[in-house]
Amino acid sequence: MIFTAPGRGRDRLGKPGLIGQTPRTVSAVPREPGPLRLRNREFAPGRSLIMAIVNRTPDSFYRPGVTWDEQKALDRAHEIVAEGADILDVGGVPAKPGAEVDVTEEIRRTVPFIEAVRAAYPDLVISVDTWRHEVGRAACEAGADLLNDTWGGWDPRLTEVAAEFGAGIVCSHAGGLPPRTRPFRIAYDDVMADVLGHVLGLADRALRAGVDPARIIIDPAHDFGKNSWQSLEITRRLAEMTATGWPVLLSASHKDFVGEALGTGIGDRMAGTLAVTTVGAWLGARVFRAHNVPETRQVLDIVAAIRGDQVPARMVRGLA
């Protein structure tokens, strides 16, 4: 199957608009699903991982400023470890447009915190949510294990940093938009084809740079370069991503497409988020970026039990 970069097309309502660009034509050759290696740990293909979020920003879209204070951020890190998170994802710049956060400030917000978490939890997998190679390098030097590039390879040198430090990298699709910009009437001839073309191209670039294939994750990046119709479509077609054999990250927690689908505000999207998580887990996603760790773990555990990937915690009904 070949995915190519489309030109112009029409959106879900038939209106013309710009289409995201893939980095190059990519041959989507399936690979055998294998273990995901992060830090000194290895996670089998049937294991679902929770990537818990700690934003070192005063203006995040969800519960802004709740972990802006350094001590509150550390308290939250202790809490999510106790709740059983597998990965701690640290962000220093909100995805939404806003006041400029330069490289120096992003490093100031994230790197000392990563150092503190690493000192407290030597074996915890730590991810940094950044598109900048300078921040990625400083984070890896402080102990980060995974570069969560949510802006679709905007800075190609970030891949080189991952290879240099033996870190993992998330290959995402943002429709070709510059960081911290919102989509406006963006359209795709086939949104999933565009997603696959882009993320597989980035995965190939990471391989050529020397990144361990067991440390590469792909991410459709819900709402990044997409309207809600498109985010809903990539959710129901997620099996096309998991069929590639690459581990898929699902990042849908409390996002706009959930709220728009249900007609709910930012504070009332828990049920919708967990429904999307259930669908994603059933279709084979392996990593779930989440604000609510215990609830997400319960969803992943019941799906794993239904699929037969996990033994139920307790079985006595009809047996005792």
Protein backbone atom coordinates (compact mmCIF):
# COMPACT_ATOMS: atom_id res chain seq x y z
CA MET A 1 0.00 0.00 0.00
CA ILE A 2 1.41 3.41 -0.96
CA PHE A 3 0.48 6.71 0.67
CA THR A 4 1.30 9.93 -1.13
CA ALA A 5 0.99 13.56 -0.15
CA PRO A 6 -2.35 14.91 -1.41
CA GLY A 7 -2.92 18.40 -2.75
CA ARG A 8 -6.25 20.09 -2.20
CA GLY A 9 -9.61 18.60 -1.37
CA ARG A 10 -12.86 19.06 0.52
CA ASP A 11 -13.69 18.80 4.17
CA ARG A 12 -16.40 16.66 5.81
CA LEU A 13 -19.06 19.23 4.92
CA GLY A 14 -17.90 19.52 1.31
CA LYS A 15 -16.10 22.83 1.74
CA PRO A 16 -12.75 23.30 0.00
CA GLY A 17 -9.71 23.71 2.19
CA LEU A 18 -5.99 23.09 2.60
CA ILE A 19 -4.77 19.53 2.98
CA GLY A 20 -1.93 18.46 5.24
CA GLN A 21 1.28 17.44 3.56
CA THR A 22 3.17 14.19 4.15
CA PRO A 23 6.98 14.36 4.26
CA ARG A 24 7.37 12.04 1.28
CA THR A 25 5.86 8.99 -0.40
CA VAL A 26 6.04 6.02 1.97
CA SER A 27 5.67 2.31 1.38
CA ALA A 28 3.54 1.10 4.28
CA VAL A 29 5.09 -2.32 4.75
CA PRO A 30 3.64 -3.94 7.88
CA ARG A 31 6.10 -4.93 10.60
CA GLU A 32 5.75 -7.64 13.20
CA PRO A 33 4.56 -6.11 16.50
CA GLY A 34 7.34 -6.36 19.04
CA PRO A 35 8.23 -5.16 22.51
CA LEU A 36 8.43 -1.47 23.27
CA ARG A 37 11.70 -0.56 24.97
CA LEU A 38 11.82 2.59 27.07
CA ARG A 39 14.62 3.34 29.49
CA ASN A 40 15.73 -0.05 30.89
CA ARG A 41 12.28 -1.59 30.61
CA GLU A 42 10.65 -3.75 27.97
CA PHE A 43 6.88 -3.82 27.45
CA ALA A 44 5.31 -6.74 25.59
CA PRO A 45 2.90 -6.05 22.69
CA GLY A 46 -0.14 -7.02 24.78
CA ARG A 47 0.67 -4.53 27.55
CA SER A 48 -1.22 -1.21 27.58
CA LEU A 49 0.72 1.72 29.00
CA ILE A 50 -0.52 4.91 30.62
CA MET A 51 1.38 8.12 29.88
CA ALA A 52 0.34 10.49 32.67
CA ILE A 53 0.53 14.24 32.10
CA VAL A 54 2.31 16.86 34.19
CA ASN A 55 2.26 20.26 32.51
CA ARG A 56 4.75 22.83 33.76
CA THR A 57 2.69 25.66 32.32
CA PRO A 58 0.33 28.29 33.75
CA ASP A 59 -2.06 28.12 30.80
CA SER A 60 -2.76 24.52 29.75
CA PHE A 61 -6.16 23.86 28.21
CA TYR A 62 -7.20 21.43 30.98
CA ARG A 63 -7.02 22.59 34.60
CA PRO A 64 -4.59 25.42 33.77
CA GLY A 65 -1.83 26.06 36.24
CA VAL A 66 -2.58 23.08 38.50
CA THR A 67 1.05 21.90 38.32
CA TRP A 68 2.68 25.25 37.52
CA ASP A 69 4.10 25.48 41.05
CA GLU A 70 7.16 23.21 41.28
CA GLN A 71 6.14 21.57 44.54
CA LYS A 72 2.63 20.88 43.25
CA ALA A 73 4.16 19.38 40.13
CA LEU A 74 6.33 17.09 42.26
CA ASP A 75 3.34 16.17 44.42
CA ARG A 76 1.48 15.25 41.25
CA ALA A 77 4.42 13.15 40.06
CA HIS A 78 4.37 11.19 43.33
CA GLU A 79 0.62 10.76 42.99
CA ILE A 80 0.64 9.40 39.44
CA VAL A 81 3.46 6.98 40.25
CA ALA A 82 1.38 5.69 43.18
CA GLU A 83 -1.59 5.38 40.85
CA GLY A 84 0.41 3.11 38.55
CA ALA A 85 1.32 5.30 35.58
CA ASP A 86 3.94 3.76 33.31
CA ILE A 87 5.24 6.99 31.77
CA LEU A 88 5.35 10.56 33.07
CA ASP A 89 5.00 13.10 30.25
CA VAL A 90 6.34 16.58 31.03
CA GLY A 91 5.24 19.57 28.96
CA GLY A 92 6.53 23.12 29.08
CA VAL A 93 4.57 24.79 26.26
CA PRO A 94 0.79 24.57 25.74
CA ALA A 95 -0.37 23.40 22.33
CA LYS A 96 -2.80 26.29 21.98
CA PRO A 97 -1.72 29.70 20.66
CA GLY A 98 -0.56 32.12 23.33
CA ALA A 99 2.34 34.05 24.74
CA GLU A 100 5.68 33.03 23.26
CA VAL A 101 7.71 30.49 25.21
CA ASP A 102 11.27 30.48 23.89
CA VAL A 103 13.79 27.65 24.16
CA THR A 104 15.40 29.00 27.32
CA GLU A 105 12.07 29.31 29.11
CA GLU A 106 10.88 25.88 27.98
CA ILE A 107 14.09 24.35 29.36
CA ARG A 108 13.70 26.29 32.61
CA ARG A 109 10.17 24.93 33.04
CA THR A 110 10.91 21.30 32.27
CA VAL A 111 14.53 20.28 32.85
CA PRO A 112 14.90 20.90 36.62
CA PHE A 113 11.61 19.07 37.13
CA ILE A 114 12.80 16.11 35.07
CA GLU A 115 16.00 16.02 37.14
CA ALA A 116 13.98 15.96 40.36
CA VAL A 117 11.67 13.20 39.14
CA ARG A 118 14.58 11.14 37.88
CA ALA A 119 16.31 11.42 41.26
CA ALA A 120 13.15 10.25 43.02
CA TYR A 121 12.30 7.45 40.57
CA PRO A 122 15.38 5.98 38.86
CA ASP A 123 13.38 3.41 36.84
CA LEU A 124 10.38 5.53 35.83
CA VAL A 125 10.01 6.23 32.12
CA ILE A 126 10.01 10.01 31.61
CA SER A 127 8.82 11.68 28.43
CA VAL A 128 9.18 15.31 27.40
CA ASP A 129 6.52 16.89 25.19
CA THR A 130 8.53 19.14 22.87
CA TRP A 131 9.16 19.78 19.19
CA ARG A 132 12.55 21.49 19.73
CA HIS A 133 15.85 19.64 19.51
CA GLU A 134 17.51 21.97 22.04
CA VAL A 135 14.88 21.13 24.65
CA GLY A 136 15.02 17.45 23.75
CA ARG A 137 18.78 17.40 24.26
CA ALA A 138 18.60 19.16 27.64
CA ALA A 139 15.78 16.85 28.74
CA CYS A 140 17.70 13.71 27.75
CA GLU A 141 20.77 14.97 29.60
CA ALA A 142 18.51 15.40 32.66
CA GLY A 143 17.20 11.85 32.38
CA ALA A 144 14.30 11.83 29.88
CA ASP A 145 13.77 8.60 27.92
CA LEU A 146 11.18 9.55 25.30
CA LEU A 147 10.73 12.59 23.04
CA ASN A 148 7.02 13.19 22.51
CA ASP A 149 7.04 15.27 19.33
CA THR A 150 3.40 16.33 19.00
CA TRP A 151 4.07 18.69 16.08
CA GLY A 152 4.84 16.12 13.43
CA GLY A 153 8.60 16.39 13.02
CA TRP A 154 8.68 20.17 12.69
CA ASP A 155 12.30 20.17 13.89
CA PRO A 156 14.05 17.26 12.11
CA ARG A 157 17.03 17.48 14.48
CA LEU A 158 14.88 16.11 17.30
CA THR A 159 15.21 12.67 15.70
CA GLU A 160 18.98 13.01 15.77
CA VAL A 161 18.82 13.74 19.50
CA ALA A 162 16.77 10.59 20.08
CA ALA A 163 19.35 8.52 18.21
CA GLU A 164 22.28 10.12 20.03
CA PHE A 165 20.87 9.43 23.50
CA GLY A 166 19.25 6.07 22.76
CA ALA A 167 15.88 7.62 23.54
CA GLY A 168 12.49 6.85 22.09
CA ILE A 169 10.54 9.18 19.83
CA VAL A 170 6.85 9.70 19.09
CA CYS A 171 6.11 10.28 15.39
CA SER A 172 2.95 12.38 15.16
CA HIS A 173 0.70 13.94 12.51
CA ALA A 174 -0.19 17.63 12.74
CA GLY A 175 -1.31 18.25 9.18
CA GLY A 176 1.79 20.27 8.36
CA LEU A 177 0.82 23.08 10.72
CA PRO A 178 3.51 25.10 12.54
CA PRO A 179 3.65 24.54 16.31
CA ARG A 180 0.97 26.23 18.39
CA THR A 181 -1.38 26.98 15.52
CA ARG A 182 -4.97 25.85 15.12
CA PRO A 183 -6.41 24.25 11.98
CA PHE A 184 -8.72 26.40 9.87
CA ARG A 185 -10.92 24.57 7.39
CA ILE A 186 -8.21 21.98 6.93
CA ALA A 187 -9.24 19.10 4.68
CA TYR A 188 -7.89 15.78 3.46
CA ASP A 189 -8.86 13.53 0.57
CA ASP A 190 -8.41 10.73 3.10
CA VAL A 191 -7.39 11.79 6.59
CA MET A 192 -6.12 8.38 7.69
CA ALA A 193 -4.04 7.99 4.52
CA ASP A 194 -2.46 11.36 5.28
CA VAL A 195 -1.83 10.38 8.89
CA LEU A 196 -0.25 7.09 7.89
CA GLY A 197 1.84 8.63 5.15
CA HIS A 198 3.26 11.20 7.52
CA VAL A 199 3.91 9.12 10.63
CA LEU A 200 5.39 6.23 8.68
CA GLY A 201 7.65 8.69 6.90
CA LEU A 202 8.80 10.04 10.26
CA ALA A 203 9.34 6.50 11.58
CA ASP A 204 11.47 5.75 8.52
CA ARG A 205 13.46 8.94 9.11
CA ALA A 206 14.03 7.90 12.73
CA LEU A 207 15.27 4.49 11.63
CA ARG A 208 17.68 6.04 9.15
CA ALA A 209 18.95 8.35 11.90
CA GLY A 210 19.75 5.32 14.05
CA VAL A 211 16.82 5.24 16.49
CA ASP A 212 16.15 1.75 17.84
CA PRO A 213 12.94 0.51 16.12
CA ALA A 214 11.73 -0.80 19.49
CA ARG A 215 11.74 2.81 20.73
CA ILE A 216 9.55 4.34 17.99
CA ILE A 217 5.86 5.13 18.57
CA ILE A 218 3.34 6.56 16.10
CA ASP A 219 0.52 8.94 17.03
CA PRO A 220 -2.44 10.20 14.95
CA ALA A 221 -2.49 13.29 17.21
CA HIS A 222 -6.19 13.91 17.68
CA ASP A 223 -7.19 17.57 17.15
CA PHE A 224 -3.71 18.54 15.89
CA GLY A 225 -4.29 19.74 12.33
CA LYS A 226 -7.76 18.22 12.43
CA ASN A 227 -11.34 19.25 13.02
CA SER A 228 -13.64 17.12 15.16
CA TRP A 229 -15.01 15.15 12.19
CA GLN A 230 -11.47 14.14 11.32
CA SER A 231 -10.54 13.24 14.90
CA LEU A 232 -13.63 11.04 15.15
CA GLU A 233 -12.75 9.38 11.84
CA ILE A 234 -9.20 8.51 12.85
CA THR A 235 -10.60 7.05 16.09
CA ARG A 236 -12.88 4.61 14.30
CA ARG A 237 -10.15 3.80 11.76
CA LEU A 238 -7.40 3.35 14.34
CA ALA A 239 -7.01 -0.32 13.38
CA GLU A 240 -5.37 0.88 10.15
CA MET A 241 -2.59 2.36 12.28
CA THR A 242 -2.20 -0.57 14.65
CA ALA A 243 -2.05 -2.91 11.62
CA THR A 244 1.29 -1.34 10.69
CA GLY A 245 2.86 -3.09 13.68
CA TRP A 246 4.22 0.15 15.18
CA PRO A 247 3.05 0.91 18.75
CA VAL A 248 0.28 3.51 18.59
CA LEU A 249 -0.14 6.34 21.10
CA LEU A 250 -3.68 7.60 21.73
CA SER A 251 -3.85 11.12 23.14
CA ALA A 252 -7.50 12.07 23.47
CA SER A 253 -7.88 13.08 27.10
CA HIS A 254 -10.54 15.79 27.48
CA LYS A 255 -9.89 17.10 23.97
CA ASP A 256 -12.17 19.33 21.92
CA PHE A 257 -13.44 16.59 19.61
CA VAL A 258 -14.77 14.74 22.65
CA GLY A 259 -16.51 17.85 23.93
CA GLU A 260 -17.93 18.77 20.52
CA ALA A 261 -19.23 15.24 19.94
CA LEU A 262 -21.08 15.33 23.25
CA GLY A 263 -21.82 19.05 23.49
CA THR A 264 -19.95 19.28 26.81
CA GLY A 265 -17.51 21.76 28.29
CA ILE A 266 -13.93 21.12 29.35
CA GLY A 267 -14.97 19.99 32.83
CA ASP A 268 -17.43 17.33 31.67
CA ARG A 269 -15.53 15.14 29.21
CA MET A 270 -14.48 12.24 31.42
CA ALA A 271 -17.07 9.77 30.14
CA GLY A 272 -16.35 10.68 26.52
CA THR A 273 -12.59 10.40 27.08
CA LEU A 274 -12.98 6.94 28.61
CA ALA A 275 -15.21 5.85 25.72
CA VAL A 276 -12.54 6.89 23.21
CA THR A 277 -9.95 5.09 25.34
CA THR A 278 -12.06 1.92 25.23
CA VAL A 279 -12.36 2.06 21.45
CA GLY A 280 -8.65 2.73 21.06
CA ALA A 281 -7.69 -0.11 23.37
CA TRP A 282 -10.00 -2.54 21.55
CA LEU A 283 -8.49 -1.50 18.21
CA GLY A 284 -4.97 -2.14 19.47
CA ALA A 285 -3.45 1.15 20.65
CA ARG A 286 -0.70 0.53 23.19
CA VAL A 287 0.05 3.85 24.91
CA PHE A 288 -2.62 6.16 26.34
CA ARG A 289 -1.81 9.75 27.31
CA ALA A 290 -4.18 10.59 30.14
CA HIS A 291 -4.96 13.11 32.85
CA ASN A 292 -6.92 10.56 34.93
CA VAL A 293 -4.75 7.55 35.70
CA PRO A 294 -6.97 5.25 37.87
CA GLU A 295 -10.00 5.54 35.59
CA THR A 296 -7.90 4.96 32.49
CA ARG A 297 -6.27 1.91 34.06
CA GLN A 298 -9.66 0.38 34.83
CA VAL A 299 -10.77 0.86 31.23
CA LEU A 300 -7.58 -0.71 29.89
CA ASP A 301 -7.82 -3.62 32.32
CA ILE A 302 -11.41 -4.52 31.41
CA VAL A 303 -10.64 -4.32 27.69
CA ALA A 304 -7.57 -6.52 28.20
CA ALA A 305 -9.67 -9.01 30.16
CA ILE A 306 -12.35 -9.10 27.44
CA ARG A 307 -9.71 -9.58 24.74
CA GLY A 308 -8.10 -12.37 26.75
CA ASP A 309 -4.81 -10.49 27.07
CA GLN A 310 -5.02 -10.23 30.86
CA VAL A 311 -6.21 -12.56 33.60
CA PRO A 312 -9.06 -11.03 35.64
CA ALA A 313 -8.03 -9.75 39.05
CA ARG A 314 -10.54 -11.97 40.86
CA MET A 315 -12.71 -14.86 39.61
CA VAL A 316 -15.14 -16.50 42.04
CA ARG A 317 -18.57 -16.15 40.46
CA GLY A 318 -19.97 -19.61 39.72
CA LEU A 319 -16.74 -21.23 40.93
CA ALA A 320 -16.96 -21.05 44.71
